[in-house]
PDB file of N, CA and C in Angstrom:
ATOM      1  N   MET A   1      81.999  78.131 -17.025  1.00  0.00           N
ATOM      2  CA  MET A   1      82.193  76.760 -17.499  1.00  0.00           C
ATOM      3  C   MET A   1      81.054  75.895 -16.964  1.00  0.00           C
ATOM      4  N   THR A   2      80.504  75.051 -17.803  1.00  0.00           N
ATOM      5  CA  THR A   2      79.410  74.198 -17.371  1.00  0.00           C
ATOM      6  C   THR A   2      79.943  72.945 -16.713  1.00  0.00           C
ATOM      7  N   ASN A   3      79.135  72.387 -15.857  1.00  0.00           N
ATOM      8  CA  ASN A   3      79.475  71.174 -15.142  1.00  0.00           C
ATOM      9  C   ASN A   3      78.968  69.986 -15.949  1.00  0.00           C
ATOM     10  N   SER A   4      79.859  69.064 -16.305  1.00  0.00           N
ATOM     11  CA  SER A   4      79.501  67.924 -17.131  1.00  0.00           C
ATOM     12  C   SER A   4      79.898  66.629 -16.418  1.00  0.00           C
ATOM     13  N   PRO A   5      78.935  65.708 -16.218  1.00  0.00           N
ATOM     14  CA  PRO A   5      79.281  64.444 -15.575  1.00  0.00           C
ATOM     15  C   PRO A   5      80.184  63.592 -16.469  1.00  0.00           C
ATOM     16  N   SER A   6      81.001  62.761 -15.851  1.00  0.00           N
ATOM     17  CA  SER A   6      81.926  61.945 -16.627  1.00  0.00           C
ATOM     18  C   SER A   6      81.346  60.586 -17.016  1.00  0.00           C
ATOM     19  N   ILE A   7      80.275  60.161 -16.358  1.00  0.00           N
ATOM     20  CA  ILE A   7      79.595  58.910 -16.708  1.00  0.00           C
ATOM     21  C   ILE A   7      78.093  59.184 -16.665  1.00  0.00           C
ATOM     22  N   VAL A   8      77.370  58.769 -17.727  1.00  0.00           N
ATOM     23  CA  VAL A   8      75.948  59.086 -17.845  1.00  0.00           C
ATOM     24  C   VAL A   8      75.156  57.835 -18.215  1.00  0.00           C
ATOM     25  N   PRO A   9      74.292  57.341 -17.319  1.00  0.00           N
ATOM     26  CA  PRO A   9      73.418  56.232 -17.695  1.00  0.00           C
ATOM     27  C   PRO A   9      72.383  56.688 -18.727  1.00  0.00           C
ATOM     28  N   VAL A  10      72.092  55.825 -19.689  1.00  0.00           N
ATOM     29  CA  VAL A  10      71.069  56.087 -20.693  1.00  0.00           C
ATOM     30  C   VAL A  10      70.006  55.007 -20.525  1.00  0.00           C
ATOM     31  N   LEU A  11      68.788  55.426 -20.175  1.00  0.00           N
ATOM     32  CA  LEU A  11      67.701  54.489 -19.920  1.00  0.00           C
ATOM     33  C   LEU A  11      66.649  54.615 -21.012  1.00  0.00           C
ATOM     34  N   THR A  12      66.136  53.490 -21.480  1.00  0.00           N
ATOM     35  CA  THR A  12      65.093  53.523 -22.496  1.00  0.00           C
ATOM     36  C   THR A  12      63.791  53.005 -21.903  1.00  0.00           C
ATOM     37  N   TYR A  13      62.707  53.607 -22.350  1.00  0.00           N
ATOM     38  CA  TYR A  13      61.366  53.268 -21.872  1.00  0.00           C
ATOM     39  C   TYR A  13      60.416  53.210 -23.055  1.00  0.00           C
ATOM     40  N   THR A  14      59.388  52.362 -22.959  1.00  0.00           N
ATOM     41  CA  THR A  14      58.359  52.337 -23.997  1.00  0.00           C
ATOM     42  C   THR A  14      57.534  53.616 -23.957  1.00  0.00           C
ATOM     43  N   ASP A  15      57.462  54.253 -22.788  1.00  0.00           N
ATOM     44  CA  ASP A  15      56.740  55.518 -22.638  1.00  0.00           C
ATOM     45  C   ASP A  15      57.651  56.501 -21.903  1.00  0.00           C
ATOM     46  N   PRO A  16      58.557  57.174 -22.629  1.00  0.00           N
ATOM     47  CA  PRO A  16      59.498  58.088 -21.985  1.00  0.00           C
ATOM     48  C   PRO A  16      58.821  59.207 -21.192  1.00  0.00           C
ATOM     49  N   ALA A  17      57.700  59.739 -21.682  1.00  0.00           N
ATOM     50  CA  ALA A  17      57.013  60.818 -20.955  1.00  0.00           C
ATOM     51  C   ALA A  17      56.546  60.331 -19.587  1.00  0.00           C
ATOM     52  N   ARG A  18      56.000  59.135 -19.546  1.00  0.00           N
ATOM     53  CA  ARG A  18      55.574  58.556 -18.271  1.00  0.00           C
ATOM     54  C   ARG A  18      56.766  58.333 -17.357  1.00  0.00           C
ATOM     55  N   ALA A  19      57.878  57.853 -17.925  1.00  0.00           N
ATOM     56  CA  ALA A  19      59.095  57.617 -17.138  1.00  0.00           C
ATOM     57  C   ALA A  19      59.597  58.924 -16.527  1.00  0.00           C
ATOM     58  N   ILE A  20      59.576  59.993 -17.315  1.00  0.00           N
ATOM     59  CA  ILE A  20      60.031  61.286 -16.809  1.00  0.00           C
ATOM     60  C   ILE A  20      59.162  61.737 -15.638  1.00  0.00           C
ATOM     61  N   ARG A  21      57.843  61.655 -15.812  1.00  0.00           N
ATOM     62  CA  ARG A  21      56.937  62.038 -14.714  1.00  0.00           C
ATOM     63  C   ARG A  21      57.229  61.209 -13.470  1.00  0.00           C
ATOM     64  N   PHE A  22      57.410  59.895 -13.651  1.00  0.00           N
ATOM     65  CA  PHE A  22      57.680  59.015 -12.520  1.00  0.00           C
ATOM     66  C   PHE A  22      58.988  59.387 -11.829  1.00  0.00           C
ATOM     67  N   LEU A  23      60.061  59.562 -12.611  1.00  0.00           N
ATOM     68  CA  LEU A  23      61.362  59.882 -12.023  1.00  0.00           C
ATOM     69  C   LEU A  23      61.327  61.215 -11.271  1.00  0.00           C
ATOM     70  N   GLU A  24      60.576  62.178 -11.789  1.00  0.00           N
ATOM     71  CA  GLU A  24      60.424  63.456 -11.093  1.00  0.00           C
ATOM     72  C   GLU A  24      59.631  63.289  -9.789  1.00  0.00           C
ATOM     73  N   GLU A  25      58.474  62.625  -9.878  1.00  0.00           N
ATOM     74  CA  GLU A  25      57.596  62.489  -8.717  1.00  0.00           C
ATOM     75  C   GLU A  25      58.144  61.527  -7.663  1.00  0.00           C
ATOM     76  N   ALA A  26      58.648  60.396  -8.097  1.00  0.00           N
ATOM     77  CA  ALA A  26      59.079  59.365  -7.153  1.00  0.00           C
ATOM     78  C   ALA A  26      60.462  59.628  -6.564  1.00  0.00           C
ATOM     79  N   PHE A  27      61.382  60.107  -7.381  1.00  0.00           N
ATOM     80  CA  PHE A  27      62.769  60.189  -6.944  1.00  0.00           C
ATOM     81  C   PHE A  27      63.330  61.603  -6.872  1.00  0.00           C
ATOM     82  N   GLY A  28      62.573  62.600  -7.350  1.00  0.00           N
ATOM     83  CA  GLY A  28      63.015  63.975  -7.249  1.00  0.00           C
ATOM     84  C   GLY A  28      63.929  64.466  -8.353  1.00  0.00           C
ATOM     85  N   PHE A  29      63.946  63.779  -9.506  1.00  0.00           N
ATOM     86  CA  PHE A  29      64.727  64.259 -10.647  1.00  0.00           C
ATOM     87  C   PHE A  29      64.112  65.553 -11.182  1.00  0.00           C
ATOM     88  N   THR A  30      64.917  66.352 -11.862  1.00  0.00           N
ATOM     89  CA  THR A  30      64.474  67.572 -12.528  1.00  0.00           C
ATOM     90  C   THR A  30      64.807  67.450 -14.008  1.00  0.00           C
ATOM     91  N   THR A  31      63.811  67.702 -14.855  1.00  0.00           N
ATOM     92  CA  THR A  31      64.058  67.646 -16.296  1.00  0.00           C
ATOM     93  C   THR A  31      64.766  68.915 -16.739  1.00  0.00           C
ATOM     94  N   LEU A  32      65.949  68.753 -17.336  1.00  0.00           N
ATOM     95  CA  LEU A  32      66.678  69.899 -17.883  1.00  0.00           C
ATOM     96  C   LEU A  32      66.111  70.277 -19.244  1.00  0.00           C
ATOM     97  N   PHE A  33      65.841  69.279 -20.083  1.00  0.00           N
ATOM     98  CA  PHE A  33      65.156  69.508 -21.355  1.00  0.00           C
ATOM     99  C   PHE A  33      64.718  68.179 -21.940  1.00  0.00           C
ATOM    100  N   SER A  34      63.782  68.253 -22.878  1.00  0.00           N
ATOM    101  CA  SER A  34      63.345  67.060 -23.598  1.00  0.00           C
ATOM    102  C   SER A  34      63.116  67.434 -25.058  1.00  0.00           C
ATOM    103  N   VAL A  35      63.265  66.433 -25.913  1.00  0.00           N
ATOM    104  CA  VAL A  35      63.116  66.625 -27.359  1.00  0.00           C
ATOM    105  C   VAL A  35      61.910  65.804 -27.815  1.00  0.00           C
ATOM    106  N   PRO A  36      60.871  66.481 -28.305  1.00  0.00           N
ATOM    107  CA  PRO A  36      59.694  65.730 -28.758  1.00  0.00           C
ATOM    108  C   PRO A  36      59.940  65.068 -30.112  1.00  0.00           C
ATOM    109  N   GLY A  37      59.298  63.934 -30.307  1.00  0.00           N
ATOM    110  CA  GLY A  37      59.380  63.231 -31.583  1.00  0.00           C
ATOM    111  C   GLY A  37      58.236  63.619 -32.496  1.00  0.00           C
ATOM    112  N   GLU A  38      58.267  63.114 -33.705  1.00  0.00           N
ATOM    113  CA  GLU A  38      57.221  63.414 -34.683  1.00  0.00           C
ATOM    114  C   GLU A  38      55.855  62.917 -34.232  1.00  0.00           C
ATOM    115  N   ASP A  39      55.836  61.838 -33.441  1.00  0.00           N
ATOM    116  CA  ASP A  39      54.574  61.262 -32.975  1.00  0.00           C
ATOM    117  C   ASP A  39      54.054  61.922 -31.702  1.00  0.00           C
ATOM    118  N   GLY A  40      54.742  62.979 -31.227  1.00  0.00           N
ATOM    119  CA  GLY A  40      54.330  63.659 -30.009  1.00  0.00           C
ATOM    120  C   GLY A  40      54.967  63.103 -28.752  1.00  0.00           C
ATOM    121  N   GLY A  41      55.645  61.975 -28.877  1.00  0.00           N
ATOM    122  CA  GLY A  41      56.338  61.391 -27.728  1.00  0.00           C
ATOM    123  C   GLY A  41      57.675  62.070 -27.500  1.00  0.00           C
ATOM    124  N   ILE A  42      58.421  61.554 -26.560  1.00  0.00           N
ATOM    125  CA  ILE A  42      59.743  62.083 -26.230  1.00  0.00           C
ATOM    126  C   ILE A  42      60.799  61.170 -26.832  1.00  0.00           C
ATOM    127  N   VAL A  43      61.732  61.721 -27.620  1.00  0.00           N
ATOM    128  CA  VAL A  43      62.802  60.907 -28.191  1.00  0.00           C
ATOM    129  C   VAL A  43      64.092  61.017 -27.377  1.00  0.00           C
ATOM    130  N   HIS A  44      64.242  62.116 -26.624  1.00  0.00           N
ATOM    131  CA  HIS A  44      65.445  62.299 -25.816  1.00  0.00           C
ATOM    132  C   HIS A  44      65.122  63.290 -24.710  1.00  0.00           C
ATOM    133  N   ALA A  45      65.606  62.993 -23.502  1.00  0.00           N
ATOM    134  CA  ALA A  45      65.466  63.928 -22.384  1.00  0.00           C
ATOM    135  C   ALA A  45      66.679  63.786 -21.489  1.00  0.00           C
ATOM    136  N   GLU A  46      66.997  64.865 -20.788  1.00  0.00           N
ATOM    137  CA  GLU A  46      68.094  64.860 -19.834  1.00  0.00           C
ATOM    138  C   GLU A  46      67.542  65.291 -18.489  1.00  0.00           C
ATOM    139  N   LEU A  47      67.731  64.426 -17.486  1.00  0.00           N
ATOM    140  CA  LEU A  47      67.218  64.671 -16.149  1.00  0.00           C
ATOM    141  C   LEU A  47      68.365  64.727 -15.160  1.00  0.00           C
ATOM    142  N   ARG A  48      68.279  65.698 -14.266  1.00  0.00           N
ATOM    143  CA  ARG A  48      69.325  65.914 -13.272  1.00  0.00           C
ATOM    144  C   ARG A  48      68.845  65.471 -11.899  1.00  0.00           C
ATOM    145  N   TYR A  49      69.795  64.923 -11.147  1.00  0.00           N
ATOM    146  CA  TYR A  49      69.581  64.652  -9.736  1.00  0.00           C
ATOM    147  C   TYR A  49      70.887  65.024  -9.032  1.00  0.00           C
ATOM    148  N   GLY A  50      70.874  66.100  -8.271  1.00  0.00           N
ATOM    149  CA  GLY A  50      72.104  66.566  -7.635  1.00  0.00           C
ATOM    150  C   GLY A  50      73.144  66.881  -8.692  1.00  0.00           C
ATOM    151  N   ASP A  51      74.329  66.275  -8.568  1.00  0.00           N
ATOM    152  CA  ASP A  51      75.351  66.496  -9.591  1.00  0.00           C
ATOM    153  C   ASP A  51      75.436  65.327 -10.567  1.00  0.00           C
ATOM    154  N   GLY A  52      74.342  64.552 -10.644  1.00  0.00           N
ATOM    155  CA  GLY A  52      74.254  63.436 -11.580  1.00  0.00           C
ATOM    156  C   GLY A  52      73.239  63.710 -12.678  1.00  0.00           C
ATOM    157  N   LEU A  53      73.309  62.923 -13.722  1.00  0.00           N
ATOM    158  CA  LEU A  53      72.463  63.111 -14.886  1.00  0.00           C
ATOM    159  C   LEU A  53      72.125  61.752 -15.484  1.00  0.00           C
ATOM    160  N   VAL A  54      70.878  61.585 -15.941  1.00  0.00           N
ATOM    161  CA  VAL A  54      70.501  60.414 -16.731  1.00  0.00           C
ATOM    162  C   VAL A  54      69.878  60.908 -18.024  1.00  0.00           C
ATOM    163  N   LEU A  55      70.108  60.163 -19.096  1.00  0.00           N
ATOM    164  CA  LEU A  55      69.474  60.438 -20.371  1.00  0.00           C
ATOM    165  C   LEU A  55      68.338  59.443 -20.544  1.00  0.00           C
ATOM    166  N   ILE A  56      67.211  59.906 -21.054  1.00  0.00           N
ATOM    167  CA  ILE A  56      66.019  59.079 -21.236  1.00  0.00           C
ATOM    168  C   ILE A  56      65.668  59.063 -22.719  1.00  0.00           C
ATOM    169  N   GLY A  57      65.300  57.887 -23.222  1.00  0.00           N
ATOM    170  CA  GLY A  57      64.886  57.777 -24.611  1.00  0.00           C
ATOM    171  C   GLY A  57      63.847  56.701 -24.787  1.00  0.00           C
ATOM    172  N   GLY A  58      63.378  56.574 -26.012  1.00  0.00           N
ATOM    173  CA  GLY A  58      62.410  55.542 -26.349  1.00  0.00           C
ATOM    174  C   GLY A  58      63.084  54.200 -26.557  1.00  0.00           C
ATOM    175  N   PRO A  59      62.299  53.166 -26.720  1.00  0.00           N
ATOM    176  CA  PRO A  59      62.852  51.815 -26.841  1.00  0.00           C
ATOM    177  C   PRO A  59      63.638  51.625 -28.130  1.00  0.00           C
ATOM    178  N   THR A  60      64.614  50.742 -28.048  1.00  0.00           N
ATOM    179  CA  THR A  60      65.343  50.303 -29.230  1.00  0.00           C
ATOM    180  C   THR A  60      65.238  48.794 -29.274  1.00  0.00           C
ATOM    181  N   LYS A  61      65.416  48.222 -30.441  1.00  0.00           N
ATOM    182  CA  LYS A  61      65.267  46.774 -30.565  1.00  0.00           C
ATOM    183  C   LYS A  61      66.459  45.996 -30.039  1.00  0.00           C
ATOM    184  N   ASP A  62      67.614  46.669 -29.866  1.00  0.00           N
ATOM    185  CA  ASP A  62      68.814  45.926 -29.494  1.00  0.00           C
ATOM    186  C   ASP A  62      69.319  46.161 -28.071  1.00  0.00           C
ATOM    187  N   ARG A  63      68.663  47.046 -27.299  1.00  0.00           N
ATOM    188  CA  ARG A  63      69.144  47.253 -25.933  1.00  0.00           C
ATOM    189  C   ARG A  63      68.082  47.914 -25.081  1.00  0.00           C
ATOM    190  N   LEU A  64      68.200  47.697 -23.776  1.00  0.00           N
ATOM    191  CA  LEU A  64      67.325  48.366 -22.821  1.00  0.00           C
ATOM    192  C   LEU A  64      67.971  49.624 -22.273  1.00  0.00           C
ATOM    193  N   SER A  65      69.257  49.546 -22.011  1.00  0.00           N
ATOM    194  CA  SER A  65      69.961  50.702 -21.480  1.00  0.00           C
ATOM    195  C   SER A  65      71.444  50.556 -21.789  1.00  0.00           C
ATOM    196  N   LEU A  66      72.177  51.638 -21.590  1.00  0.00           N
ATOM    197  CA  LEU A  66      73.616  51.604 -21.768  1.00  0.00           C
ATOM    198  C   LEU A  66      74.221  52.692 -20.916  1.00  0.00           C
ATOM    199  N   THR A  67      75.525  52.730 -20.883  1.00  0.00           N
ATOM    200  CA  THR A  67      76.237  53.780 -20.171  1.00  0.00           C
ATOM    201  C   THR A  67      76.992  54.598 -21.196  1.00  0.00           C
ATOM    202  N   TYR A  68      76.841  55.921 -21.111  1.00  0.00           N
ATOM    203  CA  TYR A  68      77.504  56.839 -22.033  1.00  0.00           C
ATOM    204  C   TYR A  68      78.622  57.562 -21.295  1.00  0.00           C
ATOM    205  N   ILE A  69      79.780  57.669 -21.956  1.00  0.00           N
ATOM    206  CA  ILE A  69      80.927  58.359 -21.368  1.00  0.00           C
ATOM    207  C   ILE A  69      81.529  59.299 -22.400  1.00  0.00           C
ATOM    208  N   PRO A  70      81.597  60.603 -22.077  1.00  0.00           N
ATOM    209  CA  PRO A  70      82.263  61.537 -22.984  1.00  0.00           C
ATOM    210  C   PRO A  70      83.766  61.278 -23.020  1.00  0.00           C
ATOM    211  N   VAL A  71      84.349  61.313 -24.217  1.00  0.00           N
ATOM    212  CA  VAL A  71      85.794  61.155 -24.391  1.00  0.00           C
ATOM    213  C   VAL A  71      86.284  62.197 -25.391  1.00  0.00           C
ATOM    214  N   GLU A  72      87.568  62.501 -25.335  1.00  0.00           N
ATOM    215  CA  GLU A  72      88.144  63.502 -26.237  1.00  0.00           C
ATOM    216  C   GLU A  72      88.398  62.943 -27.634  1.00  0.00           C
ATOM    217  N   ASP A  73      89.031  61.776 -27.730  1.00  0.00           N
ATOM    218  CA  ASP A  73      89.420  61.199 -29.017  1.00  0.00           C
ATOM    219  C   ASP A  73      88.684  59.877 -29.215  1.00  0.00           C
ATOM    220  N   VAL A  74      87.567  59.948 -29.911  1.00  0.00           N
ATOM    221  CA  VAL A  74      86.696  58.782 -30.083  1.00  0.00           C
ATOM    222  C   VAL A  74      87.403  57.656 -30.825  1.00  0.00           C
ATOM    223  N   THR A  75      88.107  57.967 -31.896  1.00  0.00           N
ATOM    224  CA  THR A  75      88.774  56.938 -32.697  1.00  0.00           C
ATOM    225  C   THR A  75      89.838  56.214 -31.886  1.00  0.00           C
ATOM    226  N   ALA A  76      90.677  56.948 -31.184  1.00  0.00           N
ATOM    227  CA  ALA A  76      91.717  56.323 -30.360  1.00  0.00           C
ATOM    228  C   ALA A  76      91.094  55.483 -29.250  1.00  0.00           C
ATOM    229  N   HIS A  77      90.021  55.986 -28.657  1.00  0.00           N
ATOM    230  CA  HIS A  77      89.354  55.247 -27.579  1.00  0.00           C
ATOM    231  C   HIS A  77      88.768  53.947 -28.111  1.00  0.00           C
ATOM    232  N   CYS A  78      88.164  54.014 -29.296  1.00  0.00           N
ATOM    233  CA  CYS A  78      87.587  52.826 -29.926  1.00  0.00           C
ATOM    234  C   CYS A  78      88.671  51.787 -30.202  1.00  0.00           C
ATOM    235  N   GLU A  79      89.793  52.218 -30.719  1.00  0.00           N
ATOM    236  CA  GLU A  79      90.879  51.283 -31.025  1.00  0.00           C
ATOM    237  C   GLU A  79      91.427  50.644 -29.750  1.00  0.00           C
ATOM    238  N   ARG A  80      91.517  51.407 -28.683  1.00  0.00           N
ATOM    239  CA  ARG A  80      91.959  50.854 -27.399  1.00  0.00           C
ATOM    240  C   ARG A  80      90.986  49.778 -26.927  1.00  0.00           C
ATOM    241  N   ALA A  81      89.682  50.072 -27.017  1.00  0.00           N
ATOM    242  CA  ALA A  81      88.661  49.105 -26.591  1.00  0.00           C
ATOM    243  C   ALA A  81      88.732  47.836 -27.440  1.00  0.00           C
ATOM    244  N   ARG A  82      88.857  48.005 -28.749  1.00  0.00           N
ATOM    245  CA  ARG A  82      88.948  46.854 -29.659  1.00  0.00           C
ATOM    246  C   ARG A  82      90.160  45.985 -29.306  1.00  0.00           C
ATOM    247  N   ALA A  83      91.319  46.634 -29.061  1.00  0.00           N
ATOM    248  CA  ALA A  83      92.553  45.902 -28.739  1.00  0.00           C
ATOM    249  C   ALA A  83      92.424  45.127 -27.436  1.00  0.00           C
ATOM    250  N   ALA A  84      91.577  45.634 -26.534  1.00  0.00           N
ATOM    251  CA  ALA A  84      91.393  44.959 -25.244  1.00  0.00           C
ATOM    252  C   ALA A  84      90.324  43.867 -25.305  1.00  0.00           C
ATOM    253  N   GLY A  85      89.681  43.682 -26.477  1.00  0.00           N
ATOM    254  CA  GLY A  85      88.719  42.602 -26.638  1.00  0.00           C
ATOM    255  C   GLY A  85      87.267  43.020 -26.628  1.00  0.00           C
ATOM    256  N   ALA A  86      86.975  44.330 -26.566  1.00  0.00           N
ATOM    257  CA  ALA A  86      85.583  44.780 -26.637  1.00  0.00           C
ATOM    258  C   ALA A  86      85.027  44.488 -28.024  1.00  0.00           C
ATOM    259  N   THR A  87      83.748  44.176 -28.090  1.00  0.00           N
ATOM    260  CA  THR A  87      83.066  43.996 -29.361  1.00  0.00           C
ATOM    261  C   THR A  87      82.514  45.351 -29.783  1.00  0.00           C
ATOM    262  N   ILE A  88      82.993  45.880 -30.876  1.00  0.00           N
ATOM    263  CA  ILE A  88      82.527  47.178 -31.360  1.00  0.00           C
ATOM    264  C   ILE A  88      81.221  46.952 -32.112  1.00  0.00           C
ATOM    265  N   THR A  89      80.130  47.510 -31.590  1.00  0.00           N
ATOM    266  CA  THR A  89      78.813  47.315 -32.192  1.00  0.00           C
ATOM    267  C   THR A  89      78.426  48.469 -33.112  1.00  0.00           C
ATOM    268  N   MET A  90      79.113  49.613 -32.989  1.00  0.00           N
ATOM    269  CA  MET A  90      78.952  50.732 -33.914  1.00  0.00           C
ATOM    270  C   MET A  90      80.298  51.438 -34.015  1.00  0.00           C
ATOM    271  N   GLU A  91      80.851  51.461 -35.212  1.00  0.00           N
ATOM    272  CA  GLU A  91      82.128  52.135 -35.447  1.00  0.00           C
ATOM    273  C   GLU A  91      81.965  53.642 -35.200  1.00  0.00           C
ATOM    274  N   PRO A  92      83.062  54.364 -34.966  1.00  0.00           N
ATOM    275  CA  PRO A  92      82.954  55.812 -34.781  1.00  0.00           C
ATOM    276  C   PRO A  92      82.146  56.453 -35.913  1.00  0.00           C
ATOM    277  N   THR A  93      81.122  57.189 -35.520  1.00  0.00           N
ATOM    278  CA  THR A  93      80.161  57.773 -36.452  1.00  0.00           C
ATOM    279  C   THR A  93      79.833  59.184 -36.003  1.00  0.00           C
ATOM    280  N   THR A  94      79.774  60.112 -36.945  1.00  0.00           N
ATOM    281  CA  THR A  94      79.322  61.463 -36.613  1.00  0.00           C
ATOM    282  C   THR A  94      77.798  61.476 -36.685  1.00  0.00           C
ATOM    283  N   MET A  95      77.186  61.801 -35.557  1.00  0.00           N
ATOM    284  CA  MET A  95      75.729  61.779 -35.426  1.00  0.00           C
ATOM    285  C   MET A  95      75.134  63.078 -35.977  1.00  0.00           C
ATOM    286  N   ASP A  96      73.822  63.075 -36.227  1.00  0.00           N
ATOM    287  CA  ASP A  96      73.183  64.269 -36.783  1.00  0.00           C
ATOM    288  C   ASP A  96      73.180  65.447 -35.808  1.00  0.00           C
ATOM    289  N   TYR A  97      73.416  65.203 -34.527  1.00  0.00           N
ATOM    290  CA  TYR A  97      73.472  66.288 -33.540  1.00  0.00           C
ATOM    291  C   TYR A  97      74.903  66.751 -33.281  1.00  0.00           C
ATOM    292  N   GLY A  98      75.864  66.254 -34.096  1.00  0.00           N
ATOM    293  CA  GLY A  98      77.220  66.774 -34.065  1.00  0.00           C
ATOM    294  C   GLY A  98      78.239  65.973 -33.287  1.00  0.00           C
ATOM    295  N   SER A  99      77.809  65.071 -32.437  1.00  0.00           N
ATOM    296  CA  SER A  99      78.736  64.257 -31.652  1.00  0.00           C
ATOM    297  C   SER A  99      79.300  63.132 -32.513  1.00  0.00           C
ATOM    298  N   THR A 100      80.555  62.794 -32.297  1.00  0.00           N
ATOM    299  CA  THR A 100      81.129  61.592 -32.897  1.00  0.00           C
ATOM    300  C   THR A 100      81.111  60.530 -31.808  1.00  0.00           C
ATOM    301  N   GLU A 101      80.564  59.358 -32.118  1.00  0.00           N
ATOM    302  CA  GLU A 101      80.347  58.323 -31.100  1.00  0.00           C
ATOM    303  C   GLU A 101      80.633  56.930 -31.648  1.00  0.00           C
ATOM    304  N   TYR A 102      80.930  56.029 -30.721  1.00  0.00           N
ATOM    305  CA  TYR A 102      80.977  54.608 -31.068  1.00  0.00           C
ATOM    306  C   TYR A 102      80.332  53.834 -29.934  1.00  0.00           C
ATOM    307  N   MET A 103      79.926  52.602 -30.214  1.00  0.00           N
ATOM    308  CA  MET A 103      79.309  51.752 -29.198  1.00  0.00           C
ATOM    309  C   MET A 103      80.045  50.423 -29.140  1.00  0.00           C
ATOM    310  N   ALA A 104      80.055  49.859 -27.936  1.00  0.00           N
ATOM    311  CA  ALA A 104      80.762  48.595 -27.727  1.00  0.00           C
ATOM    312  C   ALA A 104      80.045  47.766 -26.667  1.00  0.00           C
ATOM    313  N   GLU A 105      80.339  46.475 -26.682  1.00  0.00           N
ATOM    314  CA  GLU A 105      79.905  45.550 -25.637  1.00  0.00           C
ATOM    315  C   GLU A 105      81.131  45.062 -24.906  1.00  0.00           C
ATOM    316  N   ASP A 106      80.990  44.950 -23.582  1.00  0.00           N
ATOM    317  CA  ASP A 106      82.088  44.355 -22.824  1.00  0.00           C
ATOM    318  C   ASP A 106      81.934  42.837 -22.829  1.00  0.00           C
ATOM    319  N   PHE A 107      82.818  42.129 -22.135  1.00  0.00           N
ATOM    320  CA  PHE A 107      82.819  40.663 -22.158  1.00  0.00           C
ATOM    321  C   PHE A 107      81.546  40.049 -21.597  1.00  0.00           C
ATOM    322  N   ALA A 108      80.788  40.811 -20.789  1.00  0.00           N
ATOM    323  CA  ALA A 108      79.555  40.297 -20.193  1.00  0.00           C
ATOM    324  C   ALA A 108      78.309  40.717 -20.972  1.00  0.00           C
ATOM    325  N   GLY A 109      78.488  41.460 -22.070  1.00  0.00           N
ATOM    326  CA  GLY A 109      77.362  41.888 -22.876  1.00  0.00           C
ATOM    327  C   GLY A 109      76.782  43.239 -22.489  1.00  0.00           C
ATOM    328  N   ASN A 110      77.401  43.942 -21.536  1.00  0.00           N
ATOM    329  CA  ASN A 110      76.938  45.275 -21.184  1.00  0.00           C
ATOM    330  C   ASN A 110      77.221  46.239 -22.324  1.00  0.00           C
ATOM    331  N   GLN A 111      76.287  47.161 -22.568  1.00  0.00           N
ATOM    332  CA  GLN A 111      76.384  48.123 -23.664  1.00  0.00           C
ATOM    333  C   GLN A 111      77.029  49.422 -23.188  1.00  0.00           C
ATOM    334  N   TRP A 112      77.984  49.913 -23.958  1.00  0.00           N
ATOM    335  CA  TRP A 112      78.700  51.149 -23.656  1.00  0.00           C
ATOM    336  C   TRP A 112      78.694  52.039 -24.886  1.00  0.00           C
ATOM    337  N   SER A 113      78.609  53.347 -24.658  1.00  0.00           N
ATOM    338  CA  SER A 113      78.693  54.316 -25.738  1.00  0.00           C
ATOM    339  C   SER A 113      79.670  55.404 -25.319  1.00  0.00           C
ATOM    340  N   PHE A 114      80.535  55.807 -26.239  1.00  0.00           N
ATOM    341  CA  PHE A 114      81.547  56.832 -25.968  1.00  0.00           C
ATOM    342  C   PHE A 114      81.454  57.865 -27.072  1.00  0.00           C
ATOM    343  N   GLY A 115      81.554  59.154 -26.703  1.00  0.00           N
ATOM    344  CA  GLY A 115      81.442  60.172 -27.737  1.00  0.00           C
ATOM    345  C   GLY A 115      81.887  61.539 -27.273  1.00  0.00           C
ATOM    346  N   THR A 116      81.813  62.475 -28.195  1.00  0.00           N
ATOM    347  CA  THR A 116      82.264  63.837 -27.911  1.00  0.00           C
ATOM    348  C   THR A 116      81.161  64.713 -27.307  1.00  0.00           C
ATOM    349  N   TYR A 117      79.903  64.246 -27.322  1.00  0.00           N
ATOM    350  CA  TYR A 117      78.812  65.014 -26.705  1.00  0.00           C
ATOM    351  C   TYR A 117      79.031  65.070 -25.198  1.00  0.00           C
ATOM    352  N   ARG A 118      78.920  66.253 -24.628  1.00  0.00           N
ATOM    353  CA  ARG A 118      79.081  66.441 -23.190  1.00  0.00           C
ATOM    354  C   ARG A 118      77.799  67.043 -22.627  1.00  0.00           C
ATOM    355  N   PRO A 119      76.929  66.198 -22.052  1.00  0.00           N
ATOM    356  CA  PRO A 119      75.710  66.734 -21.443  1.00  0.00           C
ATOM    357  C   PRO A 119      76.091  67.659 -20.279  1.00  0.00           C
ATOM    358  N   SER A 120      75.327  68.705 -20.104  1.00  0.00           N
ATOM    359  CA  SER A 120      75.622  69.683 -19.066  1.00  0.00           C
ATOM    360  C   SER A 120      74.595  69.621 -17.945  1.00  0.00           C
ATOM    361  N   LEU A 121      75.062  69.821 -16.736  1.00  0.00           N
ATOM    362  CA  LEU A 121      74.175  69.895 -15.589  1.00  0.00           C
ATOM    363  C   LEU A 121      73.532  71.280 -15.482  1.00  0.00           C
ATOM    364  N   GLY A 122      73.932  72.179 -16.352  1.00  0.00           N
ATOM    365  CA  GLY A 122      73.307  73.489 -16.399  1.00  0.00           C
ATOM    366  C   GLY A 122      73.890  74.508 -15.445  1.00  0.00           C
ATOM    367  N   ASP A 123      74.954  74.171 -14.755  1.00  0.00           N
ATOM    368  CA  ASP A 123      75.562  75.111 -13.803  1.00  0.00           C
ATOM    369  C   ASP A 123      76.456  76.106 -14.496  1.00  0.00           C
TER     370      ASP A 123
END
């Protein structure tokens, strides 16, 4: 059975490759894998530090970073968040990589993403 963290920060950078090198050299992260984009840059990477994991990606126009949390029932989780007053910024959607996900903002404007994708620490 693989080890999967229950909360995963997602950080975006204008230069993800540079960010990965920095995180490895400065803080001791290890790259588990990265996905190159059509332009030769990095569109997605997963870096491990101990039993923690961060996801790295390129910039988006609507956010700098968010927190991703794997959940079993995305639709039920989304409805619970909506009922509690969260602003749903992306309805439950099946992504091209197979995960079903939704995104929300809390009352302070923090970005959250919940989905069925479970990043692995590789253990």
